[in-house]
Amino acid sequence: MDAFFIPASLVAGGLLAVQAGANAQLSKATGSPFTATTLQLSVGTLALLAVALATGTLTALAGLPGVPWWHVIGGTASAFYVVSTILLFPRLGAVVAVGLFIAGQMLASFALDTFGLLGVAPKALTPAMTGGTLAVLLGAGAIVAGQAGSLRQALAGKAGWIVLALLAGAVLPVQGVVNGLLRQDLGAPFAVGAVSFFVATLAMALALLLVTLFRRAPAPAAAAPQGSALRGMPWWGWLGGFAGAAYVTTVFTAIPAIGAAAAVGLTVAGQQVASVFVDRYGWFRLPQRPVSGLRMAGVAVLLLGVAIIKLL
């Protein structure tokens, strides 16, 4: 199983860079990150429903009334994460926020594996597990320091936002574990992915509604999608939902096979490697950014940490 899930997790992490680029185009076309994410999640839901139908597993959804309610709400983590990015990027900067997300993901994964939380098979606390997790955190810190400039200045007086960023990262591996429990209930990964995305779509639609209702005055960020703008968007602007569907499905199937820390570490590594190319060459119409030597070293240390967790 490792021979499949190790490369699959790396690729799934890389797809998050595709999702980010696609969502940026969709946000520009709709005028709202909330609208764009709701549309993106809807596309992912439809894609997973189509795959479940094609594989003959859609009927597994009939078992939903008999499962514990909290096995069904894993998708709310996606909405929480997305809303957090919208709030945090302007306040902490994208690079610093992503570094904190990685820290939250790895710390939560470490806890899930070590203490056997939420039904995860507990793993012995070994020097390799501890050292690998610390290496991933060190690599994430180097990536942030290599791109964000003064980290102390970026984080000064922002304790509440830092906690939110750590929590936003932590909910992602928890989501994977909860979706894994739903898979045990239903026995159909694509149907489970569709449920997760449907719940995430409803949660994002609620967030969009609240943003629209509580704005004091109409603003472009809450505007409805403009047909001409969507027609002028590149075709790959719709790929975010498919990329997200692949990521979520891979994570909740990989965690029982290779462990939470390894699965999350591999997806983080894949995301960071792909992001280096996105920044260096300006893929997906995003601005080209120089990739510093410190950031490259951080990615290398992060990859080394993942290898230590999985291989030693």
C-alpha atoms as a PDB file:
ATOM      1  CA  MET A   1       0.000   0.000   0.000  1.00  0.00           C
ATOM      2  CA  ASP A   2       2.867   2.379   0.767  1.00  0.00           C
ATOM      3  CA  ALA A   3       4.061   2.074  -2.827  1.00  0.00           C
ATOM      4  CA  PHE A   4       0.812   3.721  -3.920  1.00  0.00           C
ATOM      5  CA  PHE A   5       0.008   6.158  -1.130  1.00  0.00           C
ATOM      6  CA  ILE A   6       3.456   7.774  -0.857  1.00  0.00           C
ATOM      7  CA  PRO A   7       3.521   9.140  -4.441  1.00  0.00           C
ATOM      8  CA  ALA A   8      -0.250   9.685  -4.407  1.00  0.00           C
ATOM      9  CA  SER A   9       0.018  11.887  -1.313  1.00  0.00           C
ATOM     10  CA  LEU A  10       2.856  13.901  -2.865  1.00  0.00           C
ATOM     11  CA  VAL A  11       0.819  14.463  -6.026  1.00  0.00           C
ATOM     12  CA  ALA A  12      -2.287  15.344  -4.005  1.00  0.00           C
ATOM     13  CA  GLY A  13      -0.287  17.990  -2.155  1.00  0.00           C
ATOM     14  CA  GLY A  14       0.985  19.374  -5.442  1.00  0.00           C
ATOM     15  CA  LEU A  15      -2.603  19.681  -6.635  1.00  0.00           C
ATOM     16  CA  LEU A  16      -3.219  22.201  -3.839  1.00  0.00           C
ATOM     17  CA  ALA A  17      -1.006  24.620  -5.776  1.00  0.00           C
ATOM     18  CA  VAL A  18      -3.222  24.022  -8.816  1.00  0.00           C
ATOM     19  CA  GLN A  19      -6.279  24.629  -6.634  1.00  0.00           C
ATOM     20  CA  ALA A  20      -4.852  27.909  -5.339  1.00  0.00           C
ATOM     21  CA  GLY A  21      -4.093  29.182  -8.844  1.00  0.00           C
ATOM     22  CA  ALA A  22      -7.488  28.155 -10.168  1.00  0.00           C
ATOM     23  CA  ASN A  23      -9.310  29.671  -7.205  1.00  0.00           C
ATOM     24  CA  ALA A  24      -7.444  32.949  -7.721  1.00  0.00           C
ATOM     25  CA  GLN A  25      -8.832  33.148 -11.266  1.00  0.00           C
ATOM     26  CA  LEU A  26     -12.326  32.198 -10.145  1.00  0.00           C
ATOM     27  CA  SER A  27     -12.192  34.780  -7.345  1.00  0.00           C
ATOM     28  CA  LYS A  28     -11.211  37.448  -9.853  1.00  0.00           C
ATOM     29  CA  ALA A  29     -14.066  36.463 -12.176  1.00  0.00           C
ATOM     30  CA  THR A  30     -16.719  36.367  -9.441  1.00  0.00           C
ATOM     31  CA  GLY A  31     -15.405  39.289  -7.417  1.00  0.00           C
ATOM     32  CA  SER A  32     -15.536  37.305  -4.181  1.00  0.00           C
ATOM     33  CA  PRO A  33     -13.354  34.582  -2.640  1.00  0.00           C
ATOM     34  CA  PHE A  34     -16.421  33.294  -0.790  1.00  0.00           C
ATOM     35  CA  THR A  35     -18.417  32.933  -4.020  1.00  0.00           C
ATOM     36  CA  ALA A  36     -15.450  31.372  -5.794  1.00  0.00           C
ATOM     37  CA  THR A  37     -14.870  28.801  -3.067  1.00  0.00           C
ATOM     38  CA  THR A  38     -18.569  27.907  -2.935  1.00  0.00           C
ATOM     39  CA  LEU A  39     -18.532  27.317  -6.706  1.00  0.00           C
ATOM     40  CA  GLN A  40     -15.287  25.374  -6.473  1.00  0.00           C
ATOM     41  CA  LEU A  41     -16.660  23.084  -3.779  1.00  0.00           C
ATOM     42  CA  SER A  42     -19.842  22.580  -5.809  1.00  0.00           C
ATOM     43  CA  VAL A  43     -17.748  21.441  -8.775  1.00  0.00           C
ATOM     44  CA  GLY A  44     -15.864  19.023  -6.535  1.00  0.00           C
ATOM     45  CA  THR A  45     -19.133  17.639  -5.168  1.00  0.00           C
ATOM     46  CA  LEU A  46     -20.519  17.019  -8.663  1.00  0.00           C
ATOM     47  CA  ALA A  47     -17.247  15.430  -9.802  1.00  0.00           C
ATOM     48  CA  LEU A  48     -17.183  12.997  -6.879  1.00  0.00           C
ATOM     49  CA  LEU A  49     -20.873  12.164  -7.304  1.00  0.00           C
ATOM     50  CA  ALA A  50     -20.186  11.398 -10.978  1.00  0.00           C
ATOM     51  CA  VAL A  51     -17.267   9.113 -10.093  1.00  0.00           C
ATOM     52  CA  ALA A  52     -19.332   7.378  -7.403  1.00  0.00           C
ATOM     53  CA  LEU A  53     -22.109   6.836  -9.951  1.00  0.00           C
ATOM     54  CA  ALA A  54     -19.648   5.513 -12.561  1.00  0.00           C
ATOM     55  CA  THR A  55     -18.109   3.077 -10.057  1.00  0.00           C
ATOM     56  CA  GLY A  56     -21.479   1.835  -8.837  1.00  0.00           C
ATOM     57  CA  THR A  57     -20.910   3.067  -5.267  1.00  0.00           C
ATOM     58  CA  LEU A  58     -23.427   5.917  -5.172  1.00  0.00           C
ATOM     59  CA  THR A  59     -25.953   3.623  -3.469  1.00  0.00           C
ATOM     60  CA  ALA A  60     -23.692   3.622  -0.396  1.00  0.00           C
ATOM     61  CA  LEU A  61     -25.200   7.011   0.465  1.00  0.00           C
ATOM     62  CA  ALA A  62     -28.334   5.159   1.539  1.00  0.00           C
ATOM     63  CA  GLY A  63     -26.414   4.202   4.669  1.00  0.00           C
ATOM     64  CA  LEU A  64     -25.984   7.789   5.850  1.00  0.00           C
ATOM     65  CA  PRO A  65     -28.984   7.823   8.247  1.00  0.00           C
ATOM     66  CA  GLY A  66     -27.371   5.059  10.282  1.00  0.00           C
ATOM     67  CA  VAL A  67     -23.940   6.634  10.881  1.00  0.00           C
ATOM     68  CA  PRO A  68     -22.939   8.889  13.825  1.00  0.00           C
ATOM     69  CA  TRP A  69     -23.682  12.509  12.965  1.00  0.00           C
ATOM     70  CA  TRP A  70     -20.146  13.698  13.558  1.00  0.00           C
ATOM     71  CA  HIS A  71     -18.789  11.261  10.970  1.00  0.00           C
ATOM     72  CA  VAL A  72     -20.668  13.311   8.349  1.00  0.00           C
ATOM     73  CA  ILE A  73     -19.437  16.826   9.155  1.00  0.00           C
ATOM     74  CA  GLY A  74     -15.784  16.487   8.144  1.00  0.00           C
ATOM     75  CA  GLY A  75     -16.405  18.866   5.255  1.00  0.00           C
ATOM     76  CA  THR A  76     -16.935  21.788   7.628  1.00  0.00           C
ATOM     77  CA  ALA A  77     -13.151  21.781   8.154  1.00  0.00           C
ATOM     78  CA  SER A  78     -12.652  22.795   4.518  1.00  0.00           C
ATOM     79  CA  ALA A  79     -14.937  25.788   4.951  1.00  0.00           C
ATOM     80  CA  PHE A  80     -13.229  26.768   8.217  1.00  0.00           C
ATOM     81  CA  TYR A  81      -9.824  26.541   6.550  1.00  0.00           C
ATOM     82  CA  VAL A  82     -10.872  28.633   3.541  1.00  0.00           C
ATOM     83  CA  VAL A  83     -12.548  31.332   5.643  1.00  0.00           C
ATOM     84  CA  SER A  84      -9.413  31.433   7.799  1.00  0.00           C
ATOM     85  CA  THR A  85      -7.186  31.993   4.759  1.00  0.00           C
ATOM     86  CA  ILE A  86      -9.412  34.869   3.636  1.00  0.00           C
ATOM     87  CA  LEU A  87      -9.116  36.456   7.089  1.00  0.00           C
ATOM     88  CA  LEU A  88      -5.432  35.698   7.695  1.00  0.00           C
ATOM     89  CA  PHE A  89      -3.699  36.433   4.397  1.00  0.00           C
ATOM     90  CA  PRO A  90      -4.250  40.212   4.634  1.00  0.00           C
ATOM     91  CA  ARG A  91      -3.221  40.254   8.311  1.00  0.00           C
ATOM     92  CA  LEU A  92      -0.256  37.869   8.452  1.00  0.00           C
ATOM     93  CA  GLY A  93       0.720  37.582   4.814  1.00  0.00           C
ATOM     94  CA  ALA A  94       0.247  34.461   2.712  1.00  0.00           C
ATOM     95  CA  VAL A  95       3.706  32.993   3.354  1.00  0.00           C
ATOM     96  CA  VAL A  96       3.553  33.370   7.146  1.00  0.00           C
ATOM     97  CA  ALA A  97      -0.023  32.081   7.272  1.00  0.00           C
ATOM     98  CA  VAL A  98       0.857  28.993   5.210  1.00  0.00           C
ATOM     99  CA  GLY A  99       3.829  28.308   7.486  1.00  0.00           C
ATOM    100  CA  LEU A 100       1.528  28.384  10.504  1.00  0.00           C
ATOM    101  CA  PHE A 101      -0.973  26.134   8.694  1.00  0.00           C
ATOM    102  CA  ILE A 102       1.812  23.589   8.159  1.00  0.00           C
ATOM    103  CA  ALA A 103       2.748  23.781  11.838  1.00  0.00           C
ATOM    104  CA  GLY A 104      -0.877  23.193  12.845  1.00  0.00           C
ATOM    105  CA  GLN A 105      -1.202  20.268  10.435  1.00  0.00           C
ATOM    106  CA  MET A 106       1.945  18.544  11.651  1.00  0.00           C
ATOM    107  CA  LEU A 107       1.233  19.064  15.353  1.00  0.00           C
ATOM    108  CA  ALA A 108      -2.309  17.712  14.967  1.00  0.00           C
ATOM    109  CA  SER A 109      -1.070  14.754  12.910  1.00  0.00           C
ATOM    110  CA  PHE A 110       1.603  13.999  15.501  1.00  0.00           C
ATOM    111  CA  ALA A 111      -1.052  13.995  18.244  1.00  0.00           C
ATOM    112  CA  LEU A 112      -3.428  11.800  16.228  1.00  0.00           C
ATOM    113  CA  ASP A 113      -0.705   9.209  15.591  1.00  0.00           C
ATOM    114  CA  THR A 114       0.870   9.285  19.054  1.00  0.00           C
ATOM    115  CA  PHE A 115      -2.313   9.141  21.134  1.00  0.00           C
ATOM    116  CA  GLY A 116      -4.489   7.170  18.709  1.00  0.00           C
ATOM    117  CA  LEU A 117      -7.179   9.838  18.668  1.00  0.00           C
ATOM    118  CA  LEU A 118     -10.458   9.452  16.740  1.00  0.00           C
ATOM    119  CA  GLY A 119      -9.760   5.823  15.966  1.00  0.00           C
ATOM    120  CA  VAL A 120      -6.330   6.316  14.379  1.00  0.00           C
ATOM    121  CA  ALA A 121      -4.062   3.339  15.073  1.00  0.00           C
ATOM    122  CA  PRO A 122      -1.603   4.607  17.707  1.00  0.00           C
ATOM    123  CA  LYS A 123       2.080   4.638  16.782  1.00  0.00           C
ATOM    124  CA  ALA A 124       4.952   4.369  19.231  1.00  0.00           C
ATOM    125  CA  LEU A 125       6.673   7.668  19.966  1.00  0.00           C
ATOM    126  CA  THR A 126      10.033   6.999  18.334  1.00  0.00           C
ATOM    127  CA  PRO A 127      13.036   9.284  17.793  1.00  0.00           C
ATOM    128  CA  ALA A 128      12.342   9.085  14.054  1.00  0.00           C
ATOM    129  CA  MET A 129       8.739  10.281  14.480  1.00  0.00           C
ATOM    130  CA  THR A 130       9.775  13.113  16.792  1.00  0.00           C
ATOM    131  CA  GLY A 131      12.827  14.121  14.769  1.00  0.00           C
ATOM    132  CA  GLY A 132      10.961  13.964  11.466  1.00  0.00           C
ATOM    133  CA  THR A 133       8.136  16.145  12.754  1.00  0.00           C
ATOM    134  CA  LEU A 134      10.626  18.675  14.134  1.00  0.00           C
ATOM    135  CA  ALA A 135      12.459  18.687  10.788  1.00  0.00           C
ATOM    136  CA  VAL A 136       9.204  19.416   8.933  1.00  0.00           C
ATOM    137  CA  LEU A 137       8.478  22.282  11.346  1.00  0.00           C
ATOM    138  CA  LEU A 138      12.032  23.587  10.942  1.00  0.00           C
ATOM    139  CA  GLY A 139      11.707  23.405   7.176  1.00  0.00           C
ATOM    140  CA  ALA A 140       8.406  25.287   7.291  1.00  0.00           C
ATOM    141  CA  GLY A 141      10.046  27.951   9.450  1.00  0.00           C
ATOM    142  CA  ALA A 142      12.903  28.308   6.963  1.00  0.00           C
ATOM    143  CA  ILE A 143      10.435  28.648   4.072  1.00  0.00           C
ATOM    144  CA  VAL A 144       8.633  31.428   5.931  1.00  0.00           C
ATOM    145  CA  ALA A 145      11.860  33.184   6.886  1.00  0.00           C
ATOM    146  CA  GLY A 146      13.144  32.934   3.338  1.00  0.00           C
ATOM    147  CA  GLN A 147      10.096  34.646   1.845  1.00  0.00           C
ATOM    148  CA  ALA A 148       8.512  36.773   4.566  1.00  0.00           C
ATOM    149  CA  GLY A 149      11.452  38.893   5.665  1.00  0.00           C
ATOM    150  CA  SER A 150      11.186  39.827   9.354  1.00  0.00           C
ATOM    151  CA  LEU A 151       9.141  37.093  11.000  1.00  0.00           C
ATOM    152  CA  ARG A 152       9.085  38.922  14.338  1.00  0.00           C
ATOM    153  CA  GLN A 153       7.595  42.001  12.696  1.00  0.00           C
ATOM    154  CA  ALA A 154       5.036  39.905  10.800  1.00  0.00           C
ATOM    155  CA  LEU A 155       3.787  38.247  14.002  1.00  0.00           C
ATOM    156  CA  ALA A 156       4.064  41.136  16.466  1.00  0.00           C
ATOM    157  CA  GLY A 157       0.841  41.737  18.398  1.00  0.00           C
ATOM    158  CA  LYS A 158      -1.116  39.101  16.461  1.00  0.00           C
ATOM    159  CA  ALA A 159      -1.455  36.265  18.981  1.00  0.00           C
ATOM    160  CA  GLY A 160      -5.137  35.698  18.209  1.00  0.00           C
ATOM    161  CA  TRP A 161      -4.531  35.442  14.476  1.00  0.00           C
ATOM    162  CA  ILE A 162      -1.609  33.062  15.078  1.00  0.00           C
ATOM    163  CA  VAL A 163      -3.873  30.757  17.118  1.00  0.00           C
ATOM    164  CA  LEU A 164      -6.488  30.867  14.353  1.00  0.00           C
ATOM    165  CA  ALA A 165      -3.859  29.917  11.758  1.00  0.00           C
ATOM    166  CA  LEU A 166      -2.655  26.972  13.844  1.00  0.00           C
ATOM    167  CA  LEU A 167      -6.245  25.782  14.333  1.00  0.00           C
ATOM    168  CA  ALA A 168      -7.006  26.170  10.616  1.00  0.00           C
ATOM    169  CA  GLY A 169      -4.069  23.915   9.844  1.00  0.00           C
ATOM    170  CA  ALA A 170      -4.954  21.441  12.580  1.00  0.00           C
ATOM    171  CA  VAL A 171      -8.491  20.825  11.325  1.00  0.00           C
ATOM    172  CA  LEU A 172      -7.243  19.409   8.010  1.00  0.00           C
ATOM    173  CA  PRO A 173      -5.788  16.136   9.348  1.00  0.00           C
ATOM    174  CA  VAL A 174      -8.768  15.870  11.702  1.00  0.00           C
ATOM    175  CA  GLN A 175     -11.006  16.161   8.650  1.00  0.00           C
ATOM    176  CA  GLY A 176      -9.082  13.335   7.006  1.00  0.00           C
ATOM    177  CA  VAL A 177      -9.579  11.094  10.035  1.00  0.00           C
ATOM    178  CA  VAL A 178     -13.309  11.888  10.339  1.00  0.00           C
ATOM    179  CA  ASN A 179     -13.805  11.200   6.626  1.00  0.00           C
ATOM    180  CA  GLY A 180     -11.906   7.947   7.144  1.00  0.00           C
ATOM    181  CA  LEU A 181     -14.431   6.950   9.798  1.00  0.00           C
ATOM    182  CA  LEU A 182     -17.250   7.689   7.364  1.00  0.00           C
ATOM    183  CA  ARG A 183     -15.494   5.495   4.828  1.00  0.00           C
ATOM    184  CA  GLN A 184     -15.519   2.664   7.349  1.00  0.00           C
ATOM    185  CA  ASP A 185     -19.250   3.249   7.776  1.00  0.00           C
ATOM    186  CA  LEU A 186     -20.120   3.384   4.068  1.00  0.00           C
ATOM    187  CA  GLY A 187     -17.249   1.489   2.440  1.00  0.00           C
ATOM    188  CA  ALA A 188     -17.177   3.787  -0.604  1.00  0.00           C
ATOM    189  CA  PRO A 189     -14.423   6.446  -0.807  1.00  0.00           C
ATOM    190  CA  PHE A 190     -15.900   8.488  -3.650  1.00  0.00           C
ATOM    191  CA  ALA A 191     -19.320   8.626  -2.000  1.00  0.00           C
ATOM    192  CA  VAL A 192     -17.609   9.756   1.215  1.00  0.00           C
ATOM    193  CA  GLY A 193     -15.720  12.448  -0.681  1.00  0.00           C
ATOM    194  CA  ALA A 194     -18.994  13.652  -2.209  1.00  0.00           C
ATOM    195  CA  VAL A 195     -20.572  13.899   1.261  1.00  0.00           C
ATOM    196  CA  SER A 196     -17.570  15.825   2.574  1.00  0.00           C
ATOM    197  CA  PHE A 197     -17.655  18.278  -0.328  1.00  0.00           C
ATOM    198  CA  PHE A 198     -21.424  18.694  -0.130  1.00  0.00           C
ATOM    199  CA  VAL A 199     -21.183  19.575   3.570  1.00  0.00           C
ATOM    200  CA  ALA A 200     -18.294  21.953   2.806  1.00  0.00           C
ATOM    201  CA  THR A 201     -20.367  23.589   0.057  1.00  0.00           C
ATOM    202  CA  LEU A 202     -23.275  24.159   2.437  1.00  0.00           C
ATOM    203  CA  ALA A 203     -20.933  25.620   5.065  1.00  0.00           C
ATOM    204  CA  MET A 204     -19.315  27.976   2.538  1.00  0.00           C
ATOM    205  CA  ALA A 205     -22.725  28.996   1.183  1.00  0.00           C
ATOM    206  CA  LEU A 206     -23.729  29.886   4.752  1.00  0.00           C
ATOM    207  CA  ALA A 207     -20.524  31.916   5.162  1.00  0.00           C
ATOM    208  CA  LEU A 208     -21.265  33.712   1.883  1.00  0.00           C
ATOM    209  CA  LEU A 209     -24.799  34.466   3.047  1.00  0.00           C
ATOM    210  CA  LEU A 210     -23.574  35.852   6.370  1.00  0.00           C
ATOM    211  CA  VAL A 211     -20.937  38.009   4.679  1.00  0.00           C
ATOM    212  CA  THR A 212     -23.574  39.377   2.317  1.00  0.00           C
ATOM    213  CA  LEU A 213     -26.112  40.055   5.086  1.00  0.00           C
ATOM    214  CA  PHE A 214     -23.740  41.704   7.545  1.00  0.00           C
ATOM    215  CA  ARG A 215     -21.986  44.053   5.159  1.00  0.00           C
ATOM    216  CA  ARG A 216     -23.079  47.585   5.897  1.00  0.00           C
ATOM    217  CA  ALA A 217     -23.163  48.446   2.227  1.00  0.00           C
ATOM    218  CA  PRO A 218     -23.033  46.412  -0.977  1.00  0.00           C
ATOM    219  CA  ALA A 219     -19.467  45.684  -2.022  1.00  0.00           C
ATOM    220  CA  PRO A 220     -17.862  43.997  -5.006  1.00  0.00           C
ATOM    221  CA  ALA A 221     -16.648  41.156  -2.780  1.00  0.00           C
ATOM    222  CA  ALA A 222     -20.228  40.087  -2.210  1.00  0.00           C
ATOM    223  CA  ALA A 223     -21.386  40.558  -5.774  1.00  0.00           C
ATOM    224  CA  ALA A 224     -22.941  37.760  -7.767  1.00  0.00           C
ATOM    225  CA  PRO A 225     -20.822  36.142 -10.495  1.00  0.00           C
ATOM    226  CA  GLN A 226     -20.853  38.049 -13.767  1.00  0.00           C
ATOM    227  CA  GLY A 227     -21.502  35.817 -16.771  1.00  0.00           C
ATOM    228  CA  SER A 228     -19.121  37.703 -19.072  1.00  0.00           C
ATOM    229  CA  ALA A 229     -16.337  37.562 -16.479  1.00  0.00           C
ATOM    230  CA  LEU A 230     -16.787  33.821 -16.033  1.00  0.00           C
ATOM    231  CA  ARG A 231     -16.812  33.279 -19.783  1.00  0.00           C
ATOM    232  CA  GLY A 232     -13.555  35.204 -20.068  1.00  0.00           C
ATOM    233  CA  MET A 233     -11.871  33.137 -17.370  1.00  0.00           C
ATOM    234  CA  PRO A 234      -9.331  30.522 -18.544  1.00  0.00           C
ATOM    235  CA  TRP A 235     -10.743  27.013 -18.638  1.00  0.00           C
ATOM    236  CA  TRP A 236      -8.377  25.853 -15.916  1.00  0.00           C
ATOM    237  CA  GLY A 237     -10.040  28.279 -13.504  1.00  0.00           C
ATOM    238  CA  TRP A 238     -12.590  25.508 -12.935  1.00  0.00           C
ATOM    239  CA  LEU A 239      -9.965  22.909 -11.981  1.00  0.00           C
ATOM    240  CA  GLY A 240      -9.860  23.889  -8.308  1.00  0.00           C
ATOM    241  CA  GLY A 241     -12.820  21.693  -7.420  1.00  0.00           C
ATOM    242  CA  PHE A 242     -11.289  18.648  -9.128  1.00  0.00           C
ATOM    243  CA  ALA A 243      -7.914  19.271  -7.449  1.00  0.00           C
ATOM    244  CA  GLY A 244      -9.571  19.639  -4.056  1.00  0.00           C
ATOM    245  CA  ALA A 245     -11.590  16.463  -4.586  1.00  0.00           C
ATOM    246  CA  ALA A 246      -8.428  14.509  -5.401  1.00  0.00           C
ATOM    247  CA  TYR A 247      -6.654  15.927  -2.339  1.00  0.00           C
ATOM    248  CA  VAL A 248      -9.440  15.199   0.165  1.00  0.00           C
ATOM    249  CA  THR A 249     -10.056  11.675  -1.140  1.00  0.00           C
ATOM    250  CA  THR A 250      -6.342  10.839  -1.114  1.00  0.00           C
ATOM    251  CA  VAL A 251      -5.811  12.089   2.436  1.00  0.00           C
ATOM    252  CA  PHE A 252      -8.617  10.163   4.112  1.00  0.00           C
ATOM    253  CA  THR A 253      -7.667   6.965   2.290  1.00  0.00           C
ATOM    254  CA  ALA A 254      -3.936   7.410   2.980  1.00  0.00           C
ATOM    255  CA  ILE A 255      -4.143   8.113   6.731  1.00  0.00           C
ATOM    256  CA  PRO A 256      -5.281   4.584   7.739  1.00  0.00           C
ATOM    257  CA  ALA A 257      -2.604   3.085   5.470  1.00  0.00           C
ATOM    258  CA  ILE A 258       0.500   5.138   6.292  1.00  0.00           C
ATOM    259  CA  GLY A 259      -0.444   7.215   9.347  1.00  0.00           C
ATOM    260  CA  ALA A 260      -1.585  10.790   9.808  1.00  0.00           C
ATOM    261  CA  ALA A 261       1.874  12.374  10.177  1.00  0.00           C
ATOM    262  CA  ALA A 262       3.247  10.657   7.055  1.00  0.00           C
ATOM    263  CA  ALA A 263       0.164  11.401   4.927  1.00  0.00           C
ATOM    264  CA  VAL A 264      -0.005  15.052   5.954  1.00  0.00           C
ATOM    265  CA  GLY A 265       3.771  15.485   5.730  1.00  0.00           C
ATOM    266  CA  LEU A 266       3.795  14.109   2.184  1.00  0.00           C
ATOM    267  CA  THR A 267       0.957  16.375   1.045  1.00  0.00           C
ATOM    268  CA  VAL A 268       2.683  19.381   2.623  1.00  0.00           C
ATOM    269  CA  ALA A 269       5.921  18.442   0.860  1.00  0.00           C
ATOM    270  CA  GLY A 270       4.143  18.079  -2.477  1.00  0.00           C
ATOM    271  CA  GLN A 271       2.444  21.434  -2.013  1.00  0.00           C
ATOM    272  CA  GLN A 272       5.692  23.215  -1.207  1.00  0.00           C
ATOM    273  CA  VAL A 273       7.609  21.678  -4.114  1.00  0.00           C
ATOM    274  CA  ALA A 274       4.825  22.636  -6.537  1.00  0.00           C
ATOM    275  CA  SER A 275       4.634  26.138  -5.025  1.00  0.00           C
ATOM    276  CA  VAL A 276       8.328  26.704  -5.740  1.00  0.00           C
ATOM    277  CA  PHE A 277       7.667  26.156  -9.455  1.00  0.00           C
ATOM    278  CA  VAL A 278       4.489  28.260  -9.374  1.00  0.00           C
ATOM    279  CA  ASP A 279       6.371  31.176  -7.803  1.00  0.00           C
ATOM    280  CA  ARG A 280       9.509  30.790  -9.901  1.00  0.00           C
ATOM    281  CA  TYR A 281       7.742  30.679 -13.270  1.00  0.00           C
ATOM    282  CA  GLY A 282       4.488  32.524 -12.514  1.00  0.00           C
ATOM    283  CA  TRP A 283       2.216  29.629 -13.429  1.00  0.00           C
ATOM    284  CA  PHE A 284      -1.579  30.097 -13.323  1.00  0.00           C
ATOM    285  CA  ARG A 285      -1.141  33.823 -14.067  1.00  0.00           C
ATOM    286  CA  LEU A 286       0.222  34.385 -10.584  1.00  0.00           C
ATOM    287  CA  PRO A 287       3.044  36.888 -10.017  1.00  0.00           C
ATOM    288  CA  GLN A 288       6.577  35.597 -10.491  1.00  0.00           C
ATOM    289  CA  ARG A 289       8.511  35.676  -7.240  1.00  0.00           C
ATOM    290  CA  PRO A 290      12.183  34.947  -6.667  1.00  0.00           C
ATOM    291  CA  VAL A 291      12.773  31.740  -4.732  1.00  0.00           C
ATOM    292  CA  SER A 292      15.441  32.378  -2.123  1.00  0.00           C
ATOM    293  CA  GLY A 293      18.148  29.928  -1.164  1.00  0.00           C
ATOM    294  CA  LEU A 294      16.751  29.786   2.359  1.00  0.00           C
ATOM    295  CA  ARG A 295      13.343  28.795   1.044  1.00  0.00           C
ATOM    296  CA  MET A 296      14.889  26.059  -1.109  1.00  0.00           C
ATOM    297  CA  ALA A 297      16.798  24.817   1.942  1.00  0.00           C
ATOM    298  CA  GLY A 298      13.552  24.841   3.918  1.00  0.00           C
ATOM    299  CA  VAL A 299      11.828  22.681   1.291  1.00  0.00           C
ATOM    300  CA  ALA A 300      14.783  20.266   1.359  1.00  0.00           C
ATOM    301  CA  VAL A 301      14.654  19.996   5.176  1.00  0.00           C
ATOM    302  CA  LEU A 302      10.882  19.538   5.019  1.00  0.00           C
ATOM    303  CA  LEU A 303      11.310  16.664   2.528  1.00  0.00           C
ATOM    304  CA  LEU A 304      13.996  15.141   4.744  1.00  0.00           C
ATOM    305  CA  GLY A 305      11.651  15.310   7.739  1.00  0.00           C
ATOM    306  CA  VAL A 306       8.917  13.501   5.808  1.00  0.00           C
ATOM    307  CA  ALA A 307      11.404  10.821   4.741  1.00  0.00           C
ATOM    308  CA  ILE A 308      12.488  10.334   8.371  1.00  0.00           C
ATOM    309  CA  ILE A 309       8.864   9.969   9.531  1.00  0.00           C
ATOM    310  CA  LYS A 310       8.026   7.411   6.858  1.00  0.00           C
ATOM    311  CA  LEU A 311      11.199   5.470   6.224  1.00  0.00           C
ATOM    312  CA  LEU A 312      13.035   5.217   9.566  1.00  0.00           C
END
